[in-house]
Amino acid sequence: MYDEPVRIDVTDILDLHSIRPEDAEAVVEEYLLEAARLGFKALRIIHGRGIGVRRDMVRRVLERTPAVADFRDAPAEAGGWGATIVTLR
């Protein structure tokens, strides 16, 4: 049923709320590669607040992605600790 890849438009914001948990890590990895390829320098990944499982997964991916220069919690008006701001090289 989910064998076909889903194409999404790459913008400077990725909201993981609509992504199945088992697909989220691969989606974040591919998103970062494509965003870097398209020349984005600043991104916001919305992972939600919850208990921090998705936030931790996003941060692990960011730590191992060479294109990532820096990341931090979003300011309160952009999601606070429910989102991560990413700076690409």
C-alpha atoms as a PDB file:
ATOM      1  CA  MET A   1       0.000   0.000   0.000  1.00  0.00           C
ATOM      2  CA  TYR A   2       2.888   2.408   0.746  1.00  0.00           C
ATOM      3  CA  ASP A   3       5.401   1.014  -1.744  1.00  0.00           C
ATOM      4  CA  GLU A   4       5.400   4.103  -3.967  1.00  0.00           C
ATOM      5  CA  PRO A   5       7.477   7.078  -2.821  1.00  0.00           C
ATOM      6  CA  VAL A   6       5.519  10.222  -2.094  1.00  0.00           C
ATOM      7  CA  ARG A   7       6.790  13.481  -3.608  1.00  0.00           C
ATOM      8  CA  ILE A   8       6.489  16.559  -1.449  1.00  0.00           C
ATOM      9  CA  ASP A   9       7.424  20.120  -2.286  1.00  0.00           C
ATOM     10  CA  VAL A  10      10.592  21.136  -0.493  1.00  0.00           C
ATOM     11  CA  THR A  11      10.275  24.459   1.299  1.00  0.00           C
ATOM     12  CA  ASP A  12      12.128  25.890   4.273  1.00  0.00           C
ATOM     13  CA  ILE A  13       9.650  24.186   6.645  1.00  0.00           C
ATOM     14  CA  LEU A  14       9.121  20.463   7.180  1.00  0.00           C
ATOM     15  CA  ASP A  15       6.183  19.500   9.407  1.00  0.00           C
ATOM     16  CA  LEU A  16       6.518  15.905  10.602  1.00  0.00           C
ATOM     17  CA  HIS A  17       3.002  15.695  12.029  1.00  0.00           C
ATOM     18  CA  SER A  18       1.659  14.074   8.864  1.00  0.00           C
ATOM     19  CA  ILE A  19       4.575  11.619   8.491  1.00  0.00           C
ATOM     20  CA  ARG A  20       4.221   8.084   9.806  1.00  0.00           C
ATOM     21  CA  PRO A  21       6.622   7.494  12.719  1.00  0.00           C
ATOM     22  CA  GLU A  22       8.366   4.606  10.956  1.00  0.00           C
ATOM     23  CA  ASP A  23       9.063   6.850   7.941  1.00  0.00           C
ATOM     24  CA  ALA A  24      10.089  10.035   9.780  1.00  0.00           C
ATOM     25  CA  GLU A  25      13.854   9.432   9.981  1.00  0.00           C
ATOM     26  CA  ALA A  26      14.189   8.646   6.265  1.00  0.00           C
ATOM     27  CA  VAL A  27      12.008  11.648   5.402  1.00  0.00           C
ATOM     28  CA  VAL A  28      14.198  13.995   7.462  1.00  0.00           C
ATOM     29  CA  GLU A  29      17.359  12.589   5.858  1.00  0.00           C
ATOM     30  CA  GLU A  30      16.017  13.029   2.328  1.00  0.00           C
ATOM     31  CA  TYR A  31      14.587  16.456   3.138  1.00  0.00           C
ATOM     32  CA  LEU A  32      17.967  17.717   4.345  1.00  0.00           C
ATOM     33  CA  LEU A  33      19.734  16.413   1.232  1.00  0.00           C
ATOM     34  CA  GLU A  34      17.200  18.004  -1.093  1.00  0.00           C
ATOM     35  CA  ALA A  35      17.074  21.298   0.822  1.00  0.00           C
ATOM     36  CA  ALA A  36      20.873  21.546   0.634  1.00  0.00           C
ATOM     37  CA  ARG A  37      20.821  20.668  -3.068  1.00  0.00           C
ATOM     38  CA  LEU A  38      18.257  23.430  -3.680  1.00  0.00           C
ATOM     39  CA  GLY A  39      20.431  25.967  -1.864  1.00  0.00           C
ATOM     40  CA  PHE A  40      18.391  26.540   1.294  1.00  0.00           C
ATOM     41  CA  LYS A  41      20.420  27.937   4.195  1.00  0.00           C
ATOM     42  CA  ALA A  42      17.811  28.119   6.993  1.00  0.00           C
ATOM     43  CA  LEU A  43      15.160  25.492   7.743  1.00  0.00           C
ATOM     44  CA  ARG A  44      12.562  24.774  10.394  1.00  0.00           C
ATOM     45  CA  ILE A  45      11.647  21.186  11.210  1.00  0.00           C
ATOM     46  CA  ILE A  46       8.430  20.877  13.203  1.00  0.00           C
ATOM     47  CA  HIS A  47       8.481  17.681  15.252  1.00  0.00           C
ATOM     48  CA  GLY A  48       6.010  18.553  17.984  1.00  0.00           C
ATOM     49  CA  ARG A  49       6.469  18.697  21.725  1.00  0.00           C
ATOM     50  CA  GLY A  50       5.200  15.348  23.011  1.00  0.00           C
ATOM     51  CA  ILE A  51       7.725  13.416  25.081  1.00  0.00           C
ATOM     52  CA  GLY A  52      10.649  14.257  22.796  1.00  0.00           C
ATOM     53  CA  VAL A  53      11.007  11.053  20.756  1.00  0.00           C
ATOM     54  CA  ARG A  54      10.771  12.765  17.355  1.00  0.00           C
ATOM     55  CA  ARG A  55      12.830  15.718  18.541  1.00  0.00           C
ATOM     56  CA  ASP A  56      15.612  13.337  19.593  1.00  0.00           C
ATOM     57  CA  MET A  57      15.436  11.488  16.267  1.00  0.00           C
ATOM     58  CA  VAL A  58      15.616  14.771  14.319  1.00  0.00           C
ATOM     59  CA  ARG A  59      18.617  15.895  16.371  1.00  0.00           C
ATOM     60  CA  ARG A  60      20.436  12.576  15.770  1.00  0.00           C
ATOM     61  CA  VAL A  61      19.937  12.957  12.017  1.00  0.00           C
ATOM     62  CA  LEU A  62      21.116  16.585  12.130  1.00  0.00           C
ATOM     63  CA  GLU A  63      24.263  15.634  14.074  1.00  0.00           C
ATOM     64  CA  ARG A  64      25.338  13.134  11.414  1.00  0.00           C
ATOM     65  CA  THR A  65      24.429  15.217   8.341  1.00  0.00           C
ATOM     66  CA  PRO A  66      27.499  16.975   6.866  1.00  0.00           C
ATOM     67  CA  ALA A  67      25.419  19.767   5.274  1.00  0.00           C
ATOM     68  CA  VAL A  68      24.206  20.919   8.711  1.00  0.00           C
ATOM     69  CA  ALA A  69      26.230  23.759  10.226  1.00  0.00           C
ATOM     70  CA  ASP A  70      24.089  24.349  13.323  1.00  0.00           C
ATOM     71  CA  PHE A  71      20.705  23.625  14.915  1.00  0.00           C
ATOM     72  CA  ARG A  72      18.751  24.831  17.928  1.00  0.00           C
ATOM     73  CA  ASP A  73      15.259  25.085  19.409  1.00  0.00           C
ATOM     74  CA  ALA A  74      13.007  27.435  17.505  1.00  0.00           C
ATOM     75  CA  PRO A  75      12.061  30.724  19.159  1.00  0.00           C
ATOM     76  CA  ALA A  76       8.734  30.641  21.014  1.00  0.00           C
ATOM     77  CA  GLU A  77       6.842  32.305  18.149  1.00  0.00           C
ATOM     78  CA  ALA A  78       8.096  29.611  15.726  1.00  0.00           C
ATOM     79  CA  GLY A  79       7.279  26.567  17.833  1.00  0.00           C
ATOM     80  CA  GLY A  80       9.710  26.700  20.742  1.00  0.00           C
ATOM     81  CA  TRP A  81      11.004  23.264  21.695  1.00  0.00           C
ATOM     82  CA  GLY A  82       8.395  21.721  19.348  1.00  0.00           C
ATOM     83  CA  ALA A  83      10.502  22.750  16.356  1.00  0.00           C
ATOM     84  CA  THR A  84      14.170  22.870  15.431  1.00  0.00           C
ATOM     85  CA  ILE A  85      15.858  25.644  13.466  1.00  0.00           C
ATOM     86  CA  VAL A  86      18.579  24.326  11.155  1.00  0.00           C
ATOM     87  CA  THR A  87      21.377  26.251   9.461  1.00  0.00           C
ATOM     88  CA  LEU A  88      22.886  24.566   6.423  1.00  0.00           C
ATOM     89  CA  ARG A  89      26.429  25.139   5.157  1.00  0.00           C
END
